[in-house]
Every structure is written in C-alpha cells, then in structure tokens.
Amino acid sequence: MTVAELLADKAKQVPASTLFTVGPEVGVADAVALMTEKAISSVIVAEQGQMQGLITLREILVALNTRGGSIMQAKCRHVMKVNPPTAKLDDSVDHLRSLMTENHITHVPVMNDTQLVGILSFHDIARSAIKDVVFENQLLKQYIKNWPTNA
C-alpha cells in the first residue's frame, strides 16, 4: 500500500479529514484551542501556502516542560518542529512506518513535490492495518469453512 492509498482510505474512514493549519505568528493558545475543538493531535504551521513546521502534542509537552505555563503566550513558530520528516505520495506505508519509528514521531506531513497534500498519523496506519487483518481473517475463515473433507 502506498501513502496515496492510505490518504484516500483515511478520507473515506474519517469524515471531514481536513488539513488544519495555523500561521507561525498565531498564539500557541489558539493552536491548542483548535486542536481541542477539532479533536486532533497535530496542526501544520504554514505561511503563504508553504509548510513552515508542525506542532503535535509532543511539541506542546516539551514546551510546557521547558517553559511552563508561559507557553500559552508564545507564538507557534517558537514551538513548532521545523523541517519535520515528510512522506511522498508514492512512498510505501512500510517506509512511512519506518520513518515514524526511526524518528520517534507520530505524525508525518505528506507532500506532492513542494505542495502539502495531507498528514498521516500512526493511528491512520493502525486503522489501515486492522482493516487489512480483518479482511484477511475473513478470507481465511471462508477458506477453512469450504475446506474439502476428502482432502
């Protein structure tokens, strides 16, 4: 399965799988409010249509640990991960999973050349894997159910 197929599957599974962005000068409090309101765990930081960085729950926790409550008055550019690892549409999901595991990250922006086209999370990979396992399980059960008794 490719990243493009996983993004398409996500769009079917998650209604309104919108790409949420904030500007680098937006306050962290506003980014956290957006994440809370939309029940999401990441936002892309973008300016003039170009990705500048990524904020996930991890970046929020690191900032809270180093800055305390003052983080809520900071700008997103002070908290975001600059140049996060990205995936391409034709990358395999295995490559995406390795990228996440090796970099200890849970979210990867997906690019089509220089254009941001989506974001995938480890949760999206897990959902897809579970769907595949359920399908394979059904096939195996059907195969066993129809096993010839004279074999």
N, C-alpha and C. Protein backbone atom coordinates (compact mmCIF):
# COMPACT_ATOMS: atom_id res chain seq x y z
N MET A 1 0.84 -1.18 0.00
CA MET A 1 0.00 0.00 0.00
C MET A 1 0.89 1.24 0.00
N THR A 2 0.47 2.25 -0.73
CA THR A 2 1.23 3.49 -0.80
C THR A 2 0.62 4.55 0.13
N VAL A 3 1.39 5.60 0.34
CA VAL A 3 0.91 6.73 1.14
C VAL A 3 -0.32 7.35 0.49
N ALA A 4 -0.34 7.44 -0.83
CA ALA A 4 -1.52 7.99 -1.54
C ALA A 4 -2.76 7.15 -1.25
N GLU A 5 -2.61 5.83 -1.26
CA GLU A 5 -3.75 4.94 -0.97
C GLU A 5 -4.20 5.09 0.48
N LEU A 6 -3.23 5.24 1.38
CA LEU A 6 -3.57 5.42 2.79
C LEU A 6 -4.31 6.74 3.01
N LEU A 7 -3.88 7.80 2.34
CA LEU A 7 -4.59 9.08 2.44
C LEU A 7 -6.02 8.96 1.90
N ALA A 8 -6.18 8.26 0.79
CA ALA A 8 -7.52 8.06 0.22
C ALA A 8 -8.39 7.25 1.16
N ASP A 9 -7.81 6.23 1.78
CA ASP A 9 -8.54 5.41 2.74
C ASP A 9 -8.94 6.24 3.96
N LYS A 10 -8.03 7.10 4.41
CA LYS A 10 -8.33 7.98 5.55
C LYS A 10 -9.50 8.89 5.22
N ALA A 11 -9.53 9.42 4.02
CA ALA A 11 -10.62 10.32 3.62
C ALA A 11 -11.97 9.61 3.65
N LYS A 12 -11.98 8.30 3.34
CA LYS A 12 -13.22 7.52 3.40
C LYS A 12 -13.62 7.21 4.84
N GLN A 13 -12.62 6.92 5.67
CA GLN A 13 -12.87 6.49 7.05
C GLN A 13 -13.20 7.65 7.98
N VAL A 14 -12.55 8.77 7.77
CA VAL A 14 -12.68 9.91 8.68
C VAL A 14 -13.41 11.02 7.95
N PRO A 15 -14.70 11.19 8.24
CA PRO A 15 -15.40 12.29 7.58
C PRO A 15 -14.75 13.61 7.95
N ALA A 16 -14.66 14.47 7.00
CA ALA A 16 -14.05 15.80 7.20
C ALA A 16 -12.59 15.68 7.63
N SER A 17 -11.84 14.83 6.93
CA SER A 17 -10.40 14.72 7.24
C SER A 17 -9.69 15.92 6.62
N THR A 18 -9.98 17.06 7.20
CA THR A 18 -9.45 18.34 6.73
C THR A 18 -8.04 18.53 7.25
N LEU A 19 -7.24 19.22 6.49
CA LEU A 19 -5.89 19.56 6.90
C LEU A 19 -5.96 20.89 7.64
N PHE A 20 -5.70 20.87 8.94
CA PHE A 20 -5.79 22.08 9.75
C PHE A 20 -4.43 22.75 9.84
N THR A 21 -4.42 24.06 9.59
CA THR A 21 -3.18 24.82 9.63
C THR A 21 -3.34 26.07 10.49
N VAL A 22 -2.21 26.54 10.98
CA VAL A 22 -2.14 27.82 11.68
C VAL A 22 -0.92 28.56 11.15
N GLY A 23 -0.91 29.86 11.31
CA GLY A 23 0.25 30.65 10.90
C GLY A 23 1.32 30.65 11.98
N PRO A 24 2.55 30.94 11.63
CA PRO A 24 3.64 30.94 12.61
C PRO A 24 3.48 32.00 13.69
N GLU A 25 2.74 33.06 13.40
CA GLU A 25 2.53 34.13 14.39
C GLU A 25 1.28 33.92 15.23
N VAL A 26 0.56 32.84 14.97
CA VAL A 26 -0.62 32.51 15.78
C VAL A 26 -0.14 32.07 17.15
N GLY A 27 -0.90 32.42 18.17
CA GLY A 27 -0.54 32.04 19.53
C GLY A 27 -0.71 30.55 19.76
N VAL A 28 0.15 29.99 20.59
CA VAL A 28 0.05 28.57 20.94
C VAL A 28 -1.31 28.28 21.56
N ALA A 29 -1.82 29.20 22.37
CA ALA A 29 -3.14 29.01 22.98
C ALA A 29 -4.21 28.79 21.91
N ASP A 30 -4.13 29.53 20.81
CA ASP A 30 -5.09 29.37 19.72
C ASP A 30 -4.91 28.03 19.01
N ALA A 31 -3.66 27.61 18.84
CA ALA A 31 -3.40 26.31 18.21
C ALA A 31 -3.93 25.18 19.09
N VAL A 32 -3.71 25.29 20.40
CA VAL A 32 -4.22 24.28 21.33
C VAL A 32 -5.75 24.27 21.32
N ALA A 33 -6.36 25.45 21.26
CA ALA A 33 -7.82 25.53 21.19
C ALA A 33 -8.35 24.85 19.93
N LEU A 34 -7.67 25.07 18.80
CA LEU A 34 -8.07 24.42 17.54
C LEU A 34 -7.93 22.91 17.65
N MET A 35 -6.81 22.45 18.19
CA MET A 35 -6.58 21.02 18.34
C MET A 35 -7.65 20.39 19.24
N THR A 36 -8.00 21.09 20.30
CA THR A 36 -9.02 20.59 21.22
C THR A 36 -10.40 20.58 20.57
N GLU A 37 -10.75 21.67 19.92
CA GLU A 37 -12.06 21.79 19.28
C GLU A 37 -12.26 20.73 18.20
N LYS A 38 -11.23 20.48 17.41
CA LYS A 38 -11.34 19.54 16.29
C LYS A 38 -10.96 18.11 16.67
N ALA A 39 -10.55 17.91 17.93
CA ALA A 39 -10.13 16.58 18.42
C ALA A 39 -9.02 16.01 17.55
N ILE A 40 -8.00 16.83 17.32
CA ILE A 40 -6.85 16.42 16.52
C ILE A 40 -5.59 16.53 17.37
N SER A 41 -4.55 15.85 16.97
CA SER A 41 -3.32 15.86 17.78
C SER A 41 -2.16 16.52 17.06
N SER A 42 -2.46 17.23 15.96
CA SER A 42 -1.40 17.96 15.27
C SER A 42 -2.00 19.07 14.42
N VAL A 43 -1.20 20.09 14.18
CA VAL A 43 -1.55 21.15 13.23
C VAL A 43 -0.30 21.49 12.43
N ILE A 44 -0.51 21.79 11.18
CA ILE A 44 0.57 22.24 10.32
C ILE A 44 0.73 23.74 10.51
N VAL A 45 1.96 24.20 10.63
CA VAL A 45 2.23 25.63 10.67
C VAL A 45 2.63 26.03 9.25
N ALA A 46 1.84 26.92 8.65
CA ALA A 46 2.06 27.29 7.25
C ALA A 46 1.96 28.80 7.09
N GLU A 47 2.69 29.27 6.08
CA GLU A 47 2.66 30.69 5.74
C GLU A 47 2.70 30.81 4.23
N GLN A 48 1.78 31.57 3.67
CA GLN A 48 1.67 31.76 2.22
C GLN A 48 1.63 30.42 1.48
N GLY A 49 0.87 29.48 2.05
CA GLY A 49 0.69 28.19 1.42
C GLY A 49 1.86 27.23 1.55
N GLN A 50 2.91 27.61 2.24
CA GLN A 50 4.09 26.76 2.39
C GLN A 50 4.21 26.29 3.84
N MET A 51 4.45 24.99 4.02
CA MET A 51 4.62 24.46 5.36
C MET A 51 5.90 25.01 5.98
N GLN A 52 5.75 25.54 7.18
CA GLN A 52 6.90 26.05 7.94
C GLN A 52 7.31 25.09 9.05
N GLY A 53 6.35 24.31 9.52
CA GLY A 53 6.63 23.39 10.61
C GLY A 53 5.39 22.61 11.01
N LEU A 54 5.53 21.89 12.11
CA LEU A 54 4.47 21.01 12.60
C LEU A 54 4.41 21.11 14.11
N ILE A 55 3.21 21.20 14.63
CA ILE A 55 3.02 21.14 16.08
C ILE A 55 2.17 19.92 16.39
N THR A 56 2.70 19.06 17.25
CA THR A 56 1.96 17.90 17.74
C THR A 56 1.87 18.02 19.25
N LEU A 57 1.17 17.07 19.84
CA LEU A 57 1.09 17.07 21.30
C LEU A 57 2.48 16.99 21.92
N ARG A 58 3.38 16.32 21.25
CA ARG A 58 4.75 16.20 21.77
C ARG A 58 5.42 17.57 21.89
N GLU A 59 5.30 18.40 20.86
CA GLU A 59 5.90 19.74 20.91
C GLU A 59 5.28 20.57 22.03
N ILE A 60 3.98 20.41 22.23
CA ILE A 60 3.30 21.13 23.31
C ILE A 60 3.85 20.68 24.66
N LEU A 61 4.00 19.37 24.84
CA LEU A 61 4.51 18.85 26.12
C LEU A 61 5.95 19.28 26.37
N VAL A 62 6.79 19.24 25.35
CA VAL A 62 8.18 19.67 25.50
C VAL A 62 8.21 21.15 25.89
N ALA A 63 7.41 21.96 25.23
CA ALA A 63 7.37 23.39 25.54
C ALA A 63 6.85 23.63 26.95
N LEU A 64 5.84 22.88 27.36
CA LEU A 64 5.34 23.01 28.73
C LEU A 64 6.42 22.65 29.75
N ASN A 65 7.18 21.62 29.45
CA ASN A 65 8.23 21.19 30.36
C ASN A 65 9.34 22.22 30.47
N THR A 66 9.69 22.86 29.36
CA THR A 66 10.81 23.82 29.38
C THR A 66 10.38 25.23 29.74
N ARG A 67 9.15 25.62 29.38
CA ARG A 67 8.71 27.00 29.59
C ARG A 67 7.60 27.16 30.61
N GLY A 68 7.00 26.06 31.00
CA GLY A 68 5.88 26.15 31.93
C GLY A 68 4.66 26.78 31.28
N GLY A 69 3.83 27.40 32.11
CA GLY A 69 2.58 27.98 31.64
C GLY A 69 2.74 29.12 30.66
N SER A 70 3.93 29.72 30.62
CA SER A 70 4.14 30.84 29.70
C SER A 70 4.06 30.41 28.23
N ILE A 71 4.07 29.12 28.00
CA ILE A 71 3.98 28.62 26.63
C ILE A 71 2.70 29.09 25.95
N MET A 72 1.66 29.28 26.72
CA MET A 72 0.38 29.68 26.15
C MET A 72 0.41 31.08 25.55
N GLN A 73 1.40 31.89 25.94
CA GLN A 73 1.54 33.23 25.36
C GLN A 73 2.51 33.25 24.18
N ALA A 74 3.19 32.14 23.93
CA ALA A 74 4.19 32.07 22.86
C ALA A 74 3.51 31.97 21.49
N LYS A 75 4.27 32.21 20.46
CA LYS A 75 3.82 32.06 19.08
C LYS A 75 4.14 30.64 18.61
N CYS A 76 3.38 30.17 17.66
CA CYS A 76 3.57 28.81 17.14
C CYS A 76 4.98 28.60 16.60
N ARG A 77 5.58 29.63 16.01
CA ARG A 77 6.93 29.48 15.45
C ARG A 77 7.96 29.12 16.51
N HIS A 78 7.67 29.44 17.79
CA HIS A 78 8.60 29.14 18.87
C HIS A 78 8.47 27.70 19.37
N VAL A 79 7.40 27.04 18.99
CA VAL A 79 7.11 25.70 19.50
C VAL A 79 7.21 24.63 18.41
N MET A 80 6.95 25.02 17.18
CA MET A 80 6.84 24.05 16.07
C MET A 80 8.14 23.31 15.82
N LYS A 81 7.97 22.11 15.26
CA LYS A 81 9.12 21.35 14.77
C LYS A 81 9.37 21.84 13.35
N VAL A 82 10.54 22.43 13.14
CA VAL A 82 10.91 22.95 11.82
C VAL A 82 11.44 21.79 10.98
N ASN A 83 11.09 21.78 9.71
CA ASN A 83 11.53 20.73 8.78
C ASN A 83 11.25 19.32 9.30
N PRO A 84 10.00 19.03 9.62
CA PRO A 84 9.70 17.67 10.08
C PRO A 84 9.90 16.69 8.93
N PRO A 85 10.20 15.43 9.25
CA PRO A 85 10.28 14.43 8.18
C PRO A 85 8.95 14.39 7.42
N THR A 86 9.03 14.22 6.12
CA THR A 86 7.83 14.18 5.28
C THR A 86 7.82 12.91 4.45
N ALA A 87 6.64 12.59 3.94
CA ALA A 87 6.48 11.44 3.05
C ALA A 87 6.00 11.94 1.70
N LYS A 88 6.26 11.13 0.67
CA LYS A 88 5.77 11.41 -0.67
C LYS A 88 4.60 10.48 -0.97
N LEU A 89 3.76 10.87 -1.90
CA LEU A 89 2.58 10.08 -2.23
C LEU A 89 2.91 8.66 -2.67
N ASP A 90 4.04 8.49 -3.34
CA ASP A 90 4.38 7.15 -3.84
C ASP A 90 5.22 6.33 -2.86
N ASP A 91 5.48 6.86 -1.67
CA ASP A 91 6.18 6.08 -0.64
C ASP A 91 5.29 4.93 -0.20
N SER A 92 5.91 3.85 0.23
CA SER A 92 5.13 2.73 0.77
C SER A 92 4.76 3.02 2.22
N VAL A 93 3.71 2.38 2.67
CA VAL A 93 3.30 2.53 4.07
C VAL A 93 4.38 1.93 4.98
N ASP A 94 5.06 0.89 4.52
CA ASP A 94 6.18 0.34 5.30
C ASP A 94 7.26 1.39 5.51
N HIS A 95 7.56 2.16 4.46
CA HIS A 95 8.54 3.24 4.58
C HIS A 95 8.04 4.29 5.57
N LEU A 96 6.77 4.64 5.48
CA LEU A 96 6.18 5.62 6.39
C LEU A 96 6.28 5.15 7.84
N ARG A 97 5.95 3.89 8.07
CA ARG A 97 6.02 3.31 9.42
C ARG A 97 7.46 3.36 9.94
N SER A 98 8.42 3.01 9.09
CA SER A 98 9.84 3.07 9.48
C SER A 98 10.26 4.50 9.78
N LEU A 99 9.82 5.44 8.96
CA LEU A 99 10.15 6.85 9.17
C LEU A 99 9.65 7.31 10.54
N MET A 100 8.44 6.93 10.88
CA MET A 100 7.88 7.31 12.18
C MET A 100 8.64 6.64 13.33
N THR A 101 8.92 5.37 13.18
CA THR A 101 9.60 4.63 14.23
C THR A 101 11.02 5.14 14.45
N GLU A 102 11.77 5.31 13.37
CA GLU A 102 13.17 5.76 13.48
C GLU A 102 13.28 7.17 14.04
N ASN A 103 12.31 8.02 13.75
CA ASN A 103 12.36 9.41 14.21
C ASN A 103 11.54 9.65 15.48
N HIS A 104 10.94 8.59 16.01
CA HIS A 104 10.12 8.69 17.23
C HIS A 104 9.05 9.76 17.09
N ILE A 105 8.33 9.70 15.96
CA ILE A 105 7.27 10.68 15.69
C ILE A 105 5.96 9.95 15.41
N THR A 106 4.87 10.67 15.58
CA THR A 106 3.56 10.06 15.36
C THR A 106 2.80 10.68 14.20
N HIS A 107 3.32 11.75 13.62
CA HIS A 107 2.65 12.44 12.52
C HIS A 107 3.66 12.79 11.43
N VAL A 108 3.26 12.56 10.18
CA VAL A 108 4.13 12.87 9.05
C VAL A 108 3.33 13.63 7.99
N PRO A 109 3.75 14.85 7.68
CA PRO A 109 3.12 15.58 6.57
C PRO A 109 3.42 14.86 5.25
N VAL A 110 2.45 14.88 4.35
CA VAL A 110 2.60 14.24 3.05
C VAL A 110 2.69 15.33 1.99
N MET A 111 3.72 15.22 1.15
CA MET A 111 3.99 16.24 0.14
C MET A 111 3.84 15.64 -1.27
N ASN A 112 3.37 16.48 -2.18
CA ASN A 112 3.40 16.18 -3.61
C ASN A 112 4.31 17.24 -4.21
N ASP A 113 5.55 16.90 -4.42
CA ASP A 113 6.61 17.85 -4.75
C ASP A 113 6.74 18.84 -3.60
N THR A 114 6.39 20.10 -3.82
CA THR A 114 6.51 21.09 -2.74
C THR A 114 5.16 21.42 -2.12
N GLN A 115 4.10 20.78 -2.58
CA GLN A 115 2.76 21.07 -2.07
C GLN A 115 2.37 20.08 -0.98
N LEU A 116 1.92 20.62 0.14
CA LEU A 116 1.40 19.81 1.24
C LEU A 116 0.03 19.28 0.85
N VAL A 117 -0.15 17.96 0.90
CA VAL A 117 -1.43 17.38 0.49
C VAL A 117 -2.15 16.66 1.62
N GLY A 118 -1.49 16.48 2.75
CA GLY A 118 -2.14 15.80 3.86
C GLY A 118 -1.18 15.53 5.00
N ILE A 119 -1.70 14.88 6.01
CA ILE A 119 -0.88 14.45 7.14
C ILE A 119 -1.39 13.09 7.58
N LEU A 120 -0.47 12.21 7.90
CA LEU A 120 -0.83 10.88 8.37
C LEU A 120 -0.26 10.66 9.76
N SER A 121 -1.03 9.95 10.56
CA SER A 121 -0.59 9.65 11.92
C SER A 121 -0.39 8.14 12.07
N PHE A 122 0.25 7.78 13.16
CA PHE A 122 0.42 6.36 13.45
C PHE A 122 -0.96 5.71 13.60
N HIS A 123 -1.92 6.47 14.09
CA HIS A 123 -3.30 5.99 14.22
C HIS A 123 -3.87 5.62 12.84
N ASP A 124 -3.58 6.42 11.83
CA ASP A 124 -4.05 6.12 10.47
C ASP A 124 -3.46 4.81 9.97
N ILE A 125 -2.18 4.59 10.26
CA ILE A 125 -1.53 3.34 9.86
C ILE A 125 -2.17 2.17 10.59
N ALA A 126 -2.41 2.33 11.89
CA ALA A 126 -3.02 1.26 12.68
C ALA A 126 -4.41 0.93 12.16
N ARG A 127 -5.21 1.95 11.85
CA ARG A 127 -6.56 1.73 11.34
C ARG A 127 -6.51 0.91 10.05
N SER A 128 -5.58 1.25 9.18
CA SER A 128 -5.44 0.54 7.92
C SER A 128 -4.99 -0.91 8.14
N ALA A 129 -4.05 -1.10 9.06
CA ALA A 129 -3.55 -2.45 9.35
C ALA A 129 -4.66 -3.32 9.93
N ILE A 130 -5.47 -2.76 10.82
CA ILE A 130 -6.58 -3.52 11.40
C ILE A 130 -7.58 -3.90 10.32
N LYS A 131 -7.88 -2.98 9.43
CA LYS A 131 -8.79 -3.26 8.32
C LYS A 131 -8.26 -4.42 7.47
N ASP A 132 -6.96 -4.40 7.17
CA ASP A 132 -6.35 -5.47 6.38
C ASP A 132 -6.41 -6.81 7.10
N VAL A 133 -6.13 -6.81 8.40
CA VAL A 133 -6.14 -8.04 9.19
C VAL A 133 -7.55 -8.62 9.25
N VAL A 134 -8.55 -7.78 9.44
CA VAL A 134 -9.94 -8.25 9.48
C VAL A 134 -10.32 -8.87 8.14
N PHE A 135 -9.93 -8.23 7.05
CA PHE A 135 -10.23 -8.77 5.71
C PHE A 135 -9.55 -10.12 5.50
N GLU A 136 -8.27 -10.22 5.84
CA GLU A 136 -7.54 -11.48 5.69
C GLU A 136 -8.14 -12.56 6.57
N ASN A 137 -8.55 -12.20 7.78
CA ASN A 137 -9.17 -13.14 8.70
C ASN A 137 -10.45 -13.70 8.09
N GLN A 138 -11.26 -12.83 7.49
CA GLN A 138 -12.50 -13.27 6.86
C GLN A 138 -12.21 -14.22 5.70
N LEU A 139 -11.19 -13.91 4.91
CA LEU A 139 -10.82 -14.79 3.79
C LEU A 139 -10.39 -16.16 4.29
N LEU A 140 -9.56 -16.17 5.32
CA LEU A 140 -9.09 -17.44 5.87
C LEU A 140 -10.23 -18.26 6.46
N LYS A 141 -11.14 -17.61 7.16
CA LYS A 141 -12.28 -18.33 7.72
C LYS A 141 -13.15 -18.90 6.61
N GLN A 142 -13.35 -18.15 5.54
CA GLN A 142 -14.13 -18.64 4.41
C GLN A 142 -13.43 -19.82 3.75
N TYR A 143 -12.12 -19.73 3.63
CA TYR A 143 -11.33 -20.81 3.03
C TYR A 143 -11.44 -22.07 3.88
N ILE A 144 -11.28 -21.93 5.19
CA ILE A 144 -11.34 -23.09 6.08
C ILE A 144 -12.75 -23.67 6.08
N LYS A 145 -13.76 -22.82 6.07
CA LYS A 145 -15.15 -23.27 6.07
C LYS A 145 -15.43 -24.12 4.84
N ASN A 146 -14.83 -23.79 3.72
CA ASN A 146 -15.06 -24.52 2.47
C ASN A 146 -13.98 -25.56 2.19
N TRP A 147 -13.19 -25.91 3.18
CA TRP A 147 -12.13 -26.90 3.01
C TRP A 147 -12.75 -28.23 2.61
N PRO A 148 -12.22 -28.86 1.57
CA PRO A 148 -12.79 -30.15 1.15
C PRO A 148 -12.57 -31.22 2.22
N THR A 149 -13.59 -32.00 2.51
CA THR A 149 -13.49 -33.02 3.56
C THR A 149 -12.74 -34.25 3.08
N ASN A 150 -12.58 -34.44 1.79
CA ASN A 150 -11.88 -35.61 1.25
C ASN A 150 -10.40 -35.37 1.05
N ALA A 151 -9.91 -34.21 1.40
CA ALA A 151 -8.51 -33.88 1.13
C ALA A 151 -7.56 -34.56 2.07
